[in-house]
């Protein structure tokens, strides 16, 4: 039934203006306003379908990673994002180094949040 449907994903934020600034200015992505009255944004990421970001007054941040950004060099990505004001999360027992990069197996990964508290990551296959 859905095999030929161009599906897309989305997630909520509590403040679409703050989200637009973060995704545009901090992460350097293209963000379009779909409907200003409803706080609908479209996040354009190369190689994938656009992602819908929508304002939700009773927003609760996701307790899981909503968006992963594959990178060639995680050290470089973490350092650059840190320079841009991003703070990386540190989770107890996850094998993270002082920068927040998980080195306990699997891909190298570091988590951070957007202004609404949604969890994002940069990751590098070893």
PDB file of N, CA and C in Angstrom:
ATOM      1  N   UNK A   1       0.794  -1.192   0.000  1.00  0.00           N
ATOM      2  CA  UNK A   1       0.000   0.000   0.000  1.00  0.00           C
ATOM      3  C   UNK A   1       0.848   1.273   0.000  1.00  0.00           C
ATOM      4  N   UNK A   2       1.972   1.289   0.755  1.00  0.00           N
ATOM      5  CA  UNK A   2       2.774   2.487   0.860  1.00  0.00           C
ATOM      6  C   UNK A   2       4.088   2.410   0.083  1.00  0.00           C
ATOM      7  N   UNK A   3       4.301   1.365  -0.676  1.00  0.00           N
ATOM      8  CA  UNK A   3       5.599   1.181  -1.338  1.00  0.00           C
ATOM      9  C   UNK A   3       5.942   2.291  -2.323  1.00  0.00           C
ATOM     10  N   UNK A   4       4.974   2.973  -2.875  1.00  0.00           N
ATOM     11  CA  UNK A   4       5.246   4.058  -3.814  1.00  0.00           C
ATOM     12  C   UNK A   4       4.901   5.427  -3.242  1.00  0.00           C
ATOM     13  N   UNK A   5       4.720   5.500  -1.931  1.00  0.00           N
ATOM     14  CA  UNK A   5       4.391   6.755  -1.279  1.00  0.00           C
ATOM     15  C   UNK A   5       5.677   7.451  -0.845  1.00  0.00           C
ATOM     16  N   UNK A   6       5.842   8.723  -1.189  1.00  0.00           N
ATOM     17  CA  UNK A   6       7.048   9.442  -0.762  1.00  0.00           C
ATOM     18  C   UNK A   6       6.921   9.889   0.698  1.00  0.00           C
ATOM     19  N   UNK A   7       7.154   8.978   1.605  1.00  0.00           N
ATOM     20  CA  UNK A   7       7.012   9.258   3.031  1.00  0.00           C
ATOM     21  C   UNK A   7       8.064  10.271   3.492  1.00  0.00           C
ATOM     22  N   UNK A   8       7.763  10.932   4.592  1.00  0.00           N
ATOM     23  CA  UNK A   8       8.716  11.867   5.188  1.00  0.00           C
ATOM     24  C   UNK A   8       8.552  11.799   6.698  1.00  0.00           C
ATOM     25  N   UNK A   9       9.523  12.333   7.411  1.00  0.00           N
ATOM     26  CA  UNK A   9       9.431  12.318   8.865  1.00  0.00           C
ATOM     27  C   UNK A   9       9.330  13.740   9.388  1.00  0.00           C
ATOM     28  N   UNK A  10       9.029  13.851  10.660  1.00  0.00           N
ATOM     29  CA  UNK A  10       8.918  15.146  11.284  1.00  0.00           C
ATOM     30  C   UNK A  10       9.009  15.023  12.784  1.00  0.00           C
ATOM     31  N   UNK A  11       9.207  16.154  13.436  1.00  0.00           N
ATOM     32  CA  UNK A  11       9.233  16.186  14.888  1.00  0.00           C
ATOM     33  C   UNK A  11       8.811  17.570  15.353  1.00  0.00           C
ATOM     34  N   UNK A  12       8.431  17.657  16.626  1.00  0.00           N
ATOM     35  CA  UNK A  12       7.910  18.907  17.152  1.00  0.00           C
ATOM     36  C   UNK A  12       8.985  19.703  17.886  1.00  0.00           C
ATOM     37  N   UNK A  13       8.708  20.997  18.016  1.00  0.00           N
ATOM     38  CA  UNK A  13       9.509  21.926  18.802  1.00  0.00           C
ATOM     39  C   UNK A  13       8.546  22.830  19.555  1.00  0.00           C
ATOM     40  N   UNK A  14       9.043  23.515  20.568  1.00  0.00           N
ATOM     41  CA  UNK A  14       8.171  24.436  21.298  1.00  0.00           C
ATOM     42  C   UNK A  14       8.218  25.847  20.738  1.00  0.00           C
ATOM     43  N   UNK A  15       9.245  26.156  19.933  1.00  0.00           N
ATOM     44  CA  UNK A  15       9.422  27.510  19.398  1.00  0.00           C
ATOM     45  C   UNK A  15      10.016  27.390  17.999  1.00  0.00           C
ATOM     46  N   UNK A  16       9.188  27.588  16.985  1.00  0.00           N
ATOM     47  CA  UNK A  16       9.677  27.392  15.609  1.00  0.00           C
ATOM     48  C   UNK A  16      10.697  28.455  15.205  1.00  0.00           C
ATOM     49  N   UNK A  17      10.602  29.671  15.730  1.00  0.00           N
ATOM     50  CA  UNK A  17      11.591  30.702  15.406  1.00  0.00           C
ATOM     51  C   UNK A  17      12.965  30.326  15.951  1.00  0.00           C
ATOM     52  N   UNK A  18      13.017  29.819  17.186  1.00  0.00           N
ATOM     53  CA  UNK A  18      14.281  29.374  17.771  1.00  0.00           C
ATOM     54  C   UNK A  18      14.839  28.181  16.998  1.00  0.00           C
ATOM     55  N   UNK A  19      13.961  27.273  16.586  1.00  0.00           N
ATOM     56  CA  UNK A  19      14.398  26.114  15.796  1.00  0.00           C
ATOM     57  C   UNK A  19      14.969  26.566  14.465  1.00  0.00           C
ATOM     58  N   UNK A  20      14.314  27.490  13.811  1.00  0.00           N
ATOM     59  CA  UNK A  20      14.797  27.990  12.521  1.00  0.00           C
ATOM     60  C   UNK A  20      16.179  28.609  12.671  1.00  0.00           C
ATOM     61  N   UNK A  21      16.379  29.432  13.697  1.00  0.00           N
ATOM     62  CA  UNK A  21      17.698  30.036  13.932  1.00  0.00           C
ATOM     63  C   UNK A  21      18.760  28.961  14.165  1.00  0.00           C
ATOM     64  N   UNK A  22      18.444  27.977  15.012  1.00  0.00           N
ATOM     65  CA  UNK A  22      19.416  26.935  15.345  1.00  0.00           C
ATOM     66  C   UNK A  22      19.803  26.115  14.116  1.00  0.00           C
ATOM     67  N   UNK A  23      18.802  25.623  13.392  1.00  0.00           N
ATOM     68  CA  UNK A  23      19.091  24.760  12.246  1.00  0.00           C
ATOM     69  C   UNK A  23      19.755  25.531  11.102  1.00  0.00           C
ATOM     70  N   UNK A  24      19.436  26.815  10.980  1.00  0.00           N
ATOM     71  CA  UNK A  24      20.033  27.633   9.928  1.00  0.00           C
ATOM     72  C   UNK A  24      21.404  28.161  10.341  1.00  0.00           C
ATOM     73  N   UNK A  25      21.449  28.879  11.450  1.00  0.00           N
ATOM     74  CA  UNK A  25      22.670  29.579  11.850  1.00  0.00           C
ATOM     75  C   UNK A  25      23.704  28.671  12.496  1.00  0.00           C
ATOM     76  N   UNK A  26      23.276  27.775  13.361  1.00  0.00           N
ATOM     77  CA  UNK A  26      24.231  26.920  14.074  1.00  0.00           C
ATOM     78  C   UNK A  26      24.638  25.708  13.243  1.00  0.00           C
ATOM     79  N   UNK A  27      23.651  25.030  12.644  1.00  0.00           N
ATOM     80  CA  UNK A  27      23.971  23.821  11.880  1.00  0.00           C
ATOM     81  C   UNK A  27      24.216  24.098  10.398  1.00  0.00           C
ATOM     82  N   UNK A  28      23.841  25.271   9.912  1.00  0.00           N
ATOM     83  CA  UNK A  28      24.115  25.633   8.519  1.00  0.00           C
ATOM     84  C   UNK A  28      23.220  24.956   7.504  1.00  0.00           C
ATOM     85  N   UNK A  29      22.017  24.566   7.919  1.00  0.00           N
ATOM     86  CA  UNK A  29      21.096  23.876   7.023  1.00  0.00           C
ATOM     87  C   UNK A  29      20.102  24.855   6.396  1.00  0.00           C
ATOM     88  N   UNK A  30      19.461  24.426   5.343  1.00  0.00           N
ATOM     89  CA  UNK A  30      18.432  25.232   4.701  1.00  0.00           C
ATOM     90  C   UNK A  30      17.092  24.919   5.349  1.00  0.00           C
ATOM     91  N   UNK A  31      16.460  25.955   5.872  1.00  0.00           N
ATOM     92  CA  UNK A  31      15.161  25.814   6.520  1.00  0.00           C
ATOM     93  C   UNK A  31      14.192  26.756   5.829  1.00  0.00           C
ATOM     94  N   UNK A  32      13.075  26.224   5.412  1.00  0.00           N
ATOM     95  CA  UNK A  32      12.034  27.022   4.777  1.00  0.00           C
ATOM     96  C   UNK A  32      10.828  27.104   5.692  1.00  0.00           C
ATOM     97  N   UNK A  33      10.193  28.254   5.695  1.00  0.00           N
ATOM     98  CA  UNK A  33       8.946  28.409   6.437  1.00  0.00           C
ATOM     99  C   UNK A  33       7.826  27.922   5.534  1.00  0.00           C
ATOM    100  N   UNK A  34       7.122  26.892   5.967  1.00  0.00           N
ATOM    101  CA  UNK A  34       6.008  26.328   5.204  1.00  0.00           C
ATOM    102  C   UNK A  34       4.730  27.094   5.519  1.00  0.00           C
ATOM    103  N   UNK A  35       4.494  27.330   6.810  1.00  0.00           N
ATOM    104  CA  UNK A  35       3.299  28.053   7.243  1.00  0.00           C
ATOM    105  C   UNK A  35       3.634  28.759   8.547  1.00  0.00           C
ATOM    106  N   UNK A  36       3.849  30.062   8.458  1.00  0.00           N
ATOM    107  CA  UNK A  36       4.261  30.825   9.633  1.00  0.00           C
ATOM    108  C   UNK A  36       3.201  30.814  10.729  1.00  0.00           C
ATOM    109  N   UNK A  37       1.948  30.891  10.370  1.00  0.00           N
ATOM    110  CA  UNK A  37       0.865  30.920  11.358  1.00  0.00           C
ATOM    111  C   UNK A  37       0.845  29.666  12.226  1.00  0.00           C
ATOM    112  N   UNK A  38       1.199  28.530  11.666  1.00  0.00           N
ATOM    113  CA  UNK A  38       1.200  27.264  12.402  1.00  0.00           C
ATOM    114  C   UNK A  38       2.601  26.827  12.838  1.00  0.00           C
ATOM    115  N   UNK A  39       3.612  27.637  12.561  1.00  0.00           N
ATOM    116  CA  UNK A  39       4.970  27.291  12.958  1.00  0.00           C
ATOM    117  C   UNK A  39       5.518  26.083  12.238  1.00  0.00           C
ATOM    118  N   UNK A  40       5.150  25.889  10.970  1.00  0.00           N
ATOM    119  CA  UNK A  40       5.635  24.743  10.193  1.00  0.00           C
ATOM    120  C   UNK A  40       6.893  25.127   9.430  1.00  0.00           C
ATOM    121  N   UNK A  41       7.925  24.305   9.595  1.00  0.00           N
ATOM    122  CA  UNK A  41       9.189  24.502   8.908  1.00  0.00           C
ATOM    123  C   UNK A  41       9.524  23.259   8.112  1.00  0.00           C
ATOM    124  N   UNK A  42      10.320  23.441   7.065  1.00  0.00           N
ATOM    125  CA  UNK A  42      10.813  22.322   6.284  1.00  0.00           C
ATOM    126  C   UNK A  42      12.333  22.371   6.319  1.00  0.00           C
ATOM    127  N   UNK A  43      12.929  21.308   6.788  1.00  0.00           N
ATOM    128  CA  UNK A  43      14.382  21.206   6.926  1.00  0.00           C
ATOM    129  C   UNK A  43      14.921  20.419   5.743  1.00  0.00           C
ATOM    130  N   UNK A  44      15.715  21.075   4.907  1.00  0.00           N
ATOM    131  CA  UNK A  44      16.277  20.425   3.718  1.00  0.00           C
ATOM    132  C   UNK A  44      17.647  19.852   4.053  1.00  0.00           C
ATOM    133  N   UNK A  45      17.793  18.548   3.838  1.00  0.00           N
ATOM    134  CA  UNK A  45      19.063  17.864   4.068  1.00  0.00           C
ATOM    135  C   UNK A  45      19.424  17.128   2.793  1.00  0.00           C
ATOM    136  N   UNK A  46      20.612  17.378   2.304  1.00  0.00           N
ATOM    137  CA  UNK A  46      21.060  16.771   1.054  1.00  0.00           C
ATOM    138  C   UNK A  46      20.959  15.251   1.107  1.00  0.00           C
ATOM    139  N   UNK A  47      20.433  14.678   0.040  1.00  0.00           N
ATOM    140  CA  UNK A  47      20.364  13.227  -0.066  1.00  0.00           C
ATOM    141  C   UNK A  47      19.169  12.598   0.621  1.00  0.00           C
ATOM    142  N   UNK A  48      18.285  13.410   1.185  1.00  0.00           N
ATOM    143  CA  UNK A  48      17.109  12.837   1.827  1.00  0.00           C
ATOM    144  C   UNK A  48      15.905  13.739   1.566  1.00  0.00           C
ATOM    145  N   UNK A  49      14.745  13.245   1.903  1.00  0.00           N
ATOM    146  CA  UNK A  49      13.536  14.067   1.781  1.00  0.00           C
ATOM    147  C   UNK A  49      13.563  15.141   2.860  1.00  0.00           C
ATOM    148  N   UNK A  50      12.853  16.216   2.609  1.00  0.00           N
ATOM    149  CA  UNK A  50      12.761  17.257   3.618  1.00  0.00           C
ATOM    150  C   UNK A  50      12.106  16.708   4.877  1.00  0.00           C
ATOM    151  N   UNK A  51      12.445  17.295   6.002  1.00  0.00           N
ATOM    152  CA  UNK A  51      11.916  16.890   7.297  1.00  0.00           C
ATOM    153  C   UNK A  51      11.023  18.016   7.808  1.00  0.00           C
ATOM    154  N   UNK A  52       9.848  17.675   8.261  1.00  0.00           N
ATOM    155  CA  UNK A  52       8.902  18.654   8.772  1.00  0.00           C
ATOM    156  C   UNK A  52       9.188  18.918  10.245  1.00  0.00           C
ATOM    157  N   UNK A  53       9.288  20.189  10.584  1.00  0.00           N
ATOM    158  CA  UNK A  53       9.416  20.603  11.984  1.00  0.00           C
ATOM    159  C   UNK A  53       8.180  21.438  12.282  1.00  0.00           C
ATOM    160  N   UNK A  54       7.486  21.098  13.342  1.00  0.00           N
ATOM    161  CA  UNK A  54       6.247  21.802  13.633  1.00  0.00           C
ATOM    162  C   UNK A  54       6.186  22.242  15.092  1.00  0.00           C
ATOM    163  N   UNK A  55       5.634  23.419  15.294  1.00  0.00           N
ATOM    164  CA  UNK A  55       5.480  23.948  16.641  1.00  0.00           C
ATOM    165  C   UNK A  55       4.327  23.232  17.338  1.00  0.00           C
ATOM    166  N   UNK A  56       4.554  22.911  18.596  1.00  0.00           N
ATOM    167  CA  UNK A  56       3.538  22.236  19.396  1.00  0.00           C
ATOM    168  C   UNK A  56       3.569  22.864  20.794  1.00  0.00           C
ATOM    169  N   UNK A  57       2.500  23.515  21.195  1.00  0.00           N
ATOM    170  CA  UNK A  57       2.505  24.233  22.477  1.00  0.00           C
ATOM    171  C   UNK A  57       2.866  23.359  23.682  1.00  0.00           C
ATOM    172  N   UNK A  58       2.430  22.113  23.706  1.00  0.00           N
ATOM    173  CA  UNK A  58       2.734  21.226  24.828  1.00  0.00           C
ATOM    174  C   UNK A  58       3.863  20.249  24.472  1.00  0.00           C
ATOM    175  N   UNK A  59       4.811  20.734  23.658  1.00  0.00           N
ATOM    176  CA  UNK A  59       5.939  19.913  23.199  1.00  0.00           C
ATOM    177  C   UNK A  59       6.676  19.273  24.375  1.00  0.00           C
ATOM    178  N   UNK A  60       6.990  18.015  24.212  1.00  0.00           N
ATOM    179  CA  UNK A  60       7.875  17.282  25.109  1.00  0.00           C
ATOM    180  C   UNK A  60       8.991  16.732  24.247  1.00  0.00           C
ATOM    181  N   UNK A  61      10.251  17.022  24.575  1.00  0.00           N
ATOM    182  CA  UNK A  61      11.349  16.519  23.743  1.00  0.00           C
ATOM    183  C   UNK A  61      11.327  14.993  23.651  1.00  0.00           C
ATOM    184  N   UNK A  62      11.707  14.495  22.494  1.00  0.00           N
ATOM    185  CA  UNK A  62      11.803  13.047  22.305  1.00  0.00           C
ATOM    186  C   UNK A  62      12.877  12.491  23.233  1.00  0.00           C
ATOM    187  N   UNK A  63      12.663  11.304  23.743  1.00  0.00           N
ATOM    188  CA  UNK A  63      13.646  10.659  24.626  1.00  0.00           C
ATOM    189  C   UNK A  63      14.616   9.791  23.840  1.00  0.00           C
ATOM    190  N   UNK A  64      14.661   9.995  22.534  1.00  0.00           N
ATOM    191  CA  UNK A  64      15.521   9.228  21.637  1.00  0.00           C
ATOM    192  C   UNK A  64      16.065  10.177  20.574  1.00  0.00           C
ATOM    193  N   UNK A  65      17.027   9.731  19.815  1.00  0.00           N
ATOM    194  CA  UNK A  65      17.624  10.559  18.769  1.00  0.00           C
ATOM    195  C   UNK A  65      16.650  10.694  17.610  1.00  0.00           C
ATOM    196  N   UNK A  66      16.308  11.943  17.260  1.00  0.00           N
ATOM    197  CA  UNK A  66      15.353  12.175  16.177  1.00  0.00           C
ATOM    198  C   UNK A  66      16.038  12.415  14.841  1.00  0.00           C
ATOM    199  N   UNK A  67      17.330  12.775  14.878  1.00  0.00           N
ATOM    200  CA  UNK A  67      18.028  13.102  13.644  1.00  0.00           C
ATOM    201  C   UNK A  67      19.510  12.807  13.811  1.00  0.00           C
ATOM    202  N   UNK A  68      20.068  12.015  12.883  1.00  0.00           N
ATOM    203  CA  UNK A  68      21.487  11.661  12.900  1.00  0.00           C
ATOM    204  C   UNK A  68      22.173  12.284  11.693  1.00  0.00           C
ATOM    205  N   UNK A  69      23.338  12.872  11.913  1.00  0.00           N
ATOM    206  CA  UNK A  69      24.122  13.468  10.839  1.00  0.00           C
ATOM    207  C   UNK A  69      25.415  12.678  10.661  1.00  0.00           C
ATOM    208  N   UNK A  70      25.509  11.837   9.614  1.00  0.00           N
ATOM    209  CA  UNK A  70      26.760  11.132   9.353  1.00  0.00           C
ATOM    210  C   UNK A  70      27.853  12.136   8.955  1.00  0.00           C
ATOM    211  N   UNK A  71      29.050  11.950   9.495  1.00  0.00           N
ATOM    212  CA  UNK A  71      30.182  12.819   9.186  1.00  0.00           C
ATOM    213  C   UNK A  71      31.404  11.968   8.869  1.00  0.00           C
ATOM    214  N   UNK A  72      32.322  12.534   8.118  1.00  0.00           N
ATOM    215  CA  UNK A  72      33.566  11.830   7.787  1.00  0.00           C
ATOM    216  C   UNK A  72      34.544  11.846   8.954  1.00  0.00           C
ATOM    217  N   UNK A  73      34.546  12.938   9.723  1.00  0.00           N
ATOM    218  CA  UNK A  73      35.499  13.104  10.828  1.00  0.00           C
ATOM    219  C   UNK A  73      34.748  13.635  12.051  1.00  0.00           C
ATOM    220  N   UNK A  74      34.461  12.754  12.988  1.00  0.00           N
ATOM    221  CA  UNK A  74      33.661  13.158  14.149  1.00  0.00           C
ATOM    222  C   UNK A  74      34.395  14.151  15.033  1.00  0.00           C
ATOM    223  N   UNK A  75      35.708  14.022  15.157  1.00  0.00           N
ATOM    224  CA  UNK A  75      36.480  14.970  15.965  1.00  0.00           C
ATOM    225  C   UNK A  75      36.320  16.380  15.408  1.00  0.00           C
ATOM    226  N   UNK A  76      36.451  16.511  14.106  1.00  0.00           N
ATOM    227  CA  UNK A  76      36.306  17.804  13.444  1.00  0.00           C
ATOM    228  C   UNK A  76      34.888  18.341  13.604  1.00  0.00           C
ATOM    229  N   UNK A  77      33.882  17.486  13.435  1.00  0.00           N
ATOM    230  CA  UNK A  77      32.485  17.907  13.568  1.00  0.00           C
ATOM    231  C   UNK A  77      32.179  18.364  14.989  1.00  0.00           C
ATOM    232  N   UNK A  78      32.611  17.607  15.981  1.00  0.00           N
ATOM    233  CA  UNK A  78      32.366  17.977  17.380  1.00  0.00           C
ATOM    234  C   UNK A  78      33.072  19.284  17.713  1.00  0.00           C
ATOM    235  N   UNK A  79      34.316  19.434  17.277  1.00  0.00           N
ATOM    236  CA  UNK A  79      35.061  20.664  17.551  1.00  0.00           C
ATOM    237  C   UNK A  79      34.382  21.872  16.910  1.00  0.00           C
ATOM    238  N   UNK A  80      33.942  21.741  15.663  1.00  0.00           N
ATOM    239  CA  UNK A  80      33.293  22.853  14.969  1.00  0.00           C
ATOM    240  C   UNK A  80      31.954  23.197  15.613  1.00  0.00           C
ATOM    241  N   UNK A  81      31.157  22.199  15.931  1.00  0.00           N
ATOM    242  CA  UNK A  81      29.870  22.463  16.578  1.00  0.00           C
ATOM    243  C   UNK A  81      30.069  23.101  17.957  1.00  0.00           C
ATOM    244  N   UNK A  82      31.095  22.668  18.676  1.00  0.00           N
ATOM    245  CA  UNK A  82      31.411  23.269  19.976  1.00  0.00           C
ATOM    246  C   UNK A  82      31.764  24.740  19.800  1.00  0.00           C
ATOM    247  N   UNK A  83      32.554  25.063  18.780  1.00  0.00           N
ATOM    248  CA  UNK A  83      32.878  26.461  18.483  1.00  0.00           C
ATOM    249  C   UNK A  83      31.626  27.274  18.176  1.00  0.00           C
ATOM    250  N   UNK A  84      30.614  26.614  17.613  1.00  0.00           N
ATOM    251  CA  UNK A  84      29.356  27.297  17.274  1.00  0.00           C
ATOM    252  C   UNK A  84      28.382  27.354  18.452  1.00  0.00           C
ATOM    253  N   UNK A  85      28.812  26.897  19.617  1.00  0.00           N
ATOM    254  CA  UNK A  85      27.999  26.993  20.817  1.00  0.00           C
ATOM    255  C   UNK A  85      27.205  25.760  21.181  1.00  0.00           C
ATOM    256  N   UNK A  86      27.369  24.674  20.445  1.00  0.00           N
ATOM    257  CA  UNK A  86      26.656  23.429  20.757  1.00  0.00           C
ATOM    258  C   UNK A  86      27.327  22.762  21.956  1.00  0.00           C
ATOM    259  N   UNK A  87      26.500  22.295  22.883  1.00  0.00           N
ATOM    260  CA  UNK A  87      27.002  21.546  24.036  1.00  0.00           C
ATOM    261  C   UNK A  87      26.618  20.088  23.857  1.00  0.00           C
ATOM    262  N   UNK A  88      27.580  19.207  24.002  1.00  0.00           N
ATOM    263  CA  UNK A  88      27.341  17.781  23.811  1.00  0.00           C
ATOM    264  C   UNK A  88      26.909  17.128  25.116  1.00  0.00           C
ATOM    265  N   UNK A  89      25.980  16.190  24.961  1.00  0.00           N
ATOM    266  CA  UNK A  89      25.429  15.466  26.099  1.00  0.00           C
ATOM    267  C   UNK A  89      26.435  14.427  26.595  1.00  0.00           C
ATOM    268  N   UNK A  90      26.373  14.152  27.875  1.00  0.00           N
ATOM    269  CA  UNK A  90      27.185  13.097  28.486  1.00  0.00           C
ATOM    270  C   UNK A  90      26.235  12.196  29.260  1.00  0.00           C
ATOM    271  N   UNK A  91      26.219  10.923  28.882  1.00  0.00           N
ATOM    272  CA  UNK A  91      25.335   9.949  29.515  1.00  0.00           C
ATOM    273  C   UNK A  91      26.167   8.986  30.340  1.00  0.00           C
ATOM    274  N   UNK A  92      25.768   8.750  31.567  1.00  0.00           N
ATOM    275  CA  UNK A  92      26.497   7.846  32.459  1.00  0.00           C
ATOM    276  C   UNK A  92      26.609   6.453  31.841  1.00  0.00           C
ATOM    277  N   UNK A  93      27.802   5.893  31.904  1.00  0.00           N
ATOM    278  CA  UNK A  93      28.030   4.524  31.471  1.00  0.00           C
ATOM    279  C   UNK A  93      28.004   4.298  29.976  1.00  0.00           C
ATOM    280  N   UNK A  94      28.082   5.355  29.185  1.00  0.00           N
ATOM    281  CA  UNK A  94      27.974   5.166  27.730  1.00  0.00           C
ATOM    282  C   UNK A  94      29.316   5.095  27.010  1.00  0.00           C
ATOM    283  N   UNK A  95      30.416   5.189  27.728  1.00  0.00           N
ATOM    284  CA  UNK A  95      31.725   5.074  27.087  1.00  0.00           C
ATOM    285  C   UNK A  95      32.155   6.324  26.348  1.00  0.00           C
ATOM    286  N   UNK A  96      31.675   7.495  26.783  1.00  0.00           N
ATOM    287  CA  UNK A  96      32.012   8.738  26.111  1.00  0.00           C
ATOM    288  C   UNK A  96      33.310   9.335  26.651  1.00  0.00           C
ATOM    289  N   UNK A  97      34.033  10.011  25.757  1.00  0.00           N
ATOM    290  CA  UNK A  97      35.236  10.714  26.175  1.00  0.00           C
ATOM    291  C   UNK A  97      34.865  12.117  26.659  1.00  0.00           C
ATOM    292  N   UNK A  98      35.876  12.939  26.965  1.00  0.00           N
ATOM    293  CA  UNK A  98      35.620  14.277  27.509  1.00  0.00           C
ATOM    294  C   UNK A  98      34.850  15.188  26.549  1.00  0.00           C
ATOM    295  N   UNK A  99      34.926  14.919  25.244  1.00  0.00           N
ATOM    296  CA  UNK A  99      34.187  15.713  24.254  1.00  0.00           C
ATOM    297  C   UNK A  99      32.738  15.247  24.105  1.00  0.00           C
ATOM    298  N   UNK A 100      32.429  14.067  24.647  1.00  0.00           N
ATOM    299  CA  UNK A 100      31.086  13.513  24.516  1.00  0.00           C
ATOM    300  C   UNK A 100      30.968  12.471  23.423  1.00  0.00           C
ATOM    301  N   UNK A 101      32.099  12.055  22.845  1.00  0.00           N
ATOM    302  CA  UNK A 101      32.084  11.059  21.771  1.00  0.00           C
ATOM    303  C   UNK A 101      32.062   9.660  22.378  1.00  0.00           C
ATOM    304  N   UNK A 102      31.066   8.866  22.006  1.00  0.00           N
ATOM    305  CA  UNK A 102      30.953   7.492  22.473  1.00  0.00           C
ATOM    306  C   UNK A 102      31.948   6.632  21.705  1.00  0.00           C
ATOM    307  N   UNK A 103      32.842   5.998  22.435  1.00  0.00           N
ATOM    308  CA  UNK A 103      33.876   5.141  21.832  1.00  0.00           C
ATOM    309  C   UNK A 103      33.768   3.704  22.331  1.00  0.00           C
ATOM    310  N   UNK A 104      32.572   3.329  22.796  1.00  0.00           N
ATOM    311  CA  UNK A 104      32.389   2.015  23.417  1.00  0.00           C
ATOM    312  C   UNK A 104      31.988   0.926  22.434  1.00  0.00           C
ATOM    313  N   UNK A 105      32.122   1.162  21.151  1.00  0.00           N
ATOM    314  CA  UNK A 105      31.750   0.177  20.147  1.00  0.00           C
ATOM    315  C   UNK A 105      30.703   0.726  19.209  1.00  0.00           C
ATOM    316  N   UNK A 106      30.628   0.149  18.032  1.00  0.00           N
ATOM    317  CA  UNK A 106      29.713   0.664  17.013  1.00  0.00           C
ATOM    318  C   UNK A 106      30.277   1.929  16.404  1.00  0.00           C
ATOM    319  N   UNK A 107      29.441   2.695  15.739  1.00  0.00           N
ATOM    320  CA  UNK A 107      29.963   3.931  15.161  1.00  0.00           C
ATOM    321  C   UNK A 107      30.334   4.922  16.262  1.00  0.00           C
ATOM    322  N   UNK A 108      31.312   5.761  15.987  1.00  0.00           N
ATOM    323  CA  UNK A 108      31.613   6.856  16.899  1.00  0.00           C
ATOM    324  C   UNK A 108      30.420   7.804  16.831  1.00  0.00           C
ATOM    325  N   UNK A 109      29.900   8.203  17.982  1.00  0.00           N
ATOM    326  CA  UNK A 109      28.692   9.027  17.993  1.00  0.00           C
ATOM    327  C   UNK A 109      28.750  10.011  19.152  1.00  0.00           C
ATOM    328  N   UNK A 110      28.221  11.220  18.907  1.00  0.00           N
ATOM    329  CA  UNK A 110      28.126  12.240  19.951  1.00  0.00           C
ATOM    330  C   UNK A 110      26.747  12.879  19.839  1.00  0.00           C
ATOM    331  N   UNK A 111      26.083  13.060  20.982  1.00  0.00           N
ATOM    332  CA  UNK A 111      24.716  13.557  21.002  1.00  0.00           C
ATOM    333  C   UNK A 111      24.666  14.999  21.488  1.00  0.00           C
ATOM    334  N   UNK A 112      23.741  15.750  20.941  1.00  0.00           N
ATOM    335  CA  UNK A 112      23.479  17.118  21.379  1.00  0.00           C
ATOM    336  C   UNK A 112      21.995  17.389  21.197  1.00  0.00           C
ATOM    337  N   UNK A 113      21.514  18.511  21.699  1.00  0.00           N
ATOM    338  CA  UNK A 113      20.089  18.812  21.589  1.00  0.00           C
ATOM    339  C   UNK A 113      19.860  20.116  20.834  1.00  0.00           C
ATOM    340  N   UNK A 114      18.684  20.222  20.258  1.00  0.00           N
ATOM    341  CA  UNK A 114      18.268  21.483  19.652  1.00  0.00           C
ATOM    342  C   UNK A 114      17.645  22.343  20.761  1.00  0.00           C
ATOM    343  N   UNK A 115      17.256  23.590  20.470  1.00  0.00           N
ATOM    344  CA  UNK A 115      16.700  24.444  21.531  1.00  0.00           C
ATOM    345  C   UNK A 115      15.446  23.881  22.198  1.00  0.00           C
ATOM    346  N   UNK A 116      14.729  22.991  21.538  1.00  0.00           N
ATOM    347  CA  UNK A 116      13.526  22.382  22.114  1.00  0.00           C
ATOM    348  C   UNK A 116      13.840  21.139  22.926  1.00  0.00           C
ATOM    349  N   UNK A 117      15.122  20.741  22.996  1.00  0.00           N
ATOM    350  CA  UNK A 117      15.515  19.568  23.769  1.00  0.00           C
ATOM    351  C   UNK A 117      15.500  18.270  23.002  1.00  0.00           C
ATOM    352  N   UNK A 118      15.196  18.301  21.699  1.00  0.00           N
ATOM    353  CA  UNK A 118      15.230  17.088  20.885  1.00  0.00           C
ATOM    354  C   UNK A 118      16.677  16.631  20.709  1.00  0.00           C
ATOM    355  N   UNK A 119      16.903  15.326  20.789  1.00  0.00           N
ATOM    356  CA  UNK A 119      18.251  14.775  20.704  1.00  0.00           C
ATOM    357  C   UNK A 119      18.643  14.559  19.236  1.00  0.00           C
ATOM    358  N   UNK A 120      19.813  15.075  18.889  1.00  0.00           N
ATOM    359  CA  UNK A 120      20.413  14.924  17.563  1.00  0.00           C
ATOM    360  C   UNK A 120      21.784  14.286  17.762  1.00  0.00           C
ATOM    361  N   UNK A 121      22.380  13.803  16.674  1.00  0.00           N
ATOM    362  CA  UNK A 121      23.727  13.253  16.818  1.00  0.00           C
ATOM    363  C   UNK A 121      24.553  13.488  15.565  1.00  0.00           C
ATOM    364  N   UNK A 122      25.861  13.445  15.759  1.00  0.00           N
ATOM    365  CA  UNK A 122      26.807  13.294  14.659  1.00  0.00           C
ATOM    366  C   UNK A 122      27.419  11.924  14.850  1.00  0.00           C
ATOM    367  N   UNK A 123      27.611  11.199  13.779  1.00  0.00           N
ATOM    368  CA  UNK A 123      28.203   9.866  13.899  1.00  0.00           C
ATOM    369  C   UNK A 123      29.125   9.563  12.733  1.00  0.00           C
ATOM    370  N   UNK A 124      30.116   8.763  13.031  1.00  0.00           N
ATOM    371  CA  UNK A 124      31.123   8.368  12.046  1.00  0.00           C
ATOM    372  C   UNK A 124      31.315   6.872  12.119  1.00  0.00           C
ATOM    373  N   UNK A 125      31.155   6.198  10.974  1.00  0.00           N
ATOM    374  CA  UNK A 125      31.485   4.785  10.931  1.00  0.00           C
ATOM    375  C   UNK A 125      32.992   4.646  11.088  1.00  0.00           C
ATOM    376  N   UNK A 126      33.403   3.661  11.882  1.00  0.00           N
ATOM    377  CA  UNK A 126      34.844   3.475  12.119  1.00  0.00           C
ATOM    378  C   UNK A 126      35.507   2.816  10.941  1.00  0.00           C
TER     379      UNK A 126
END
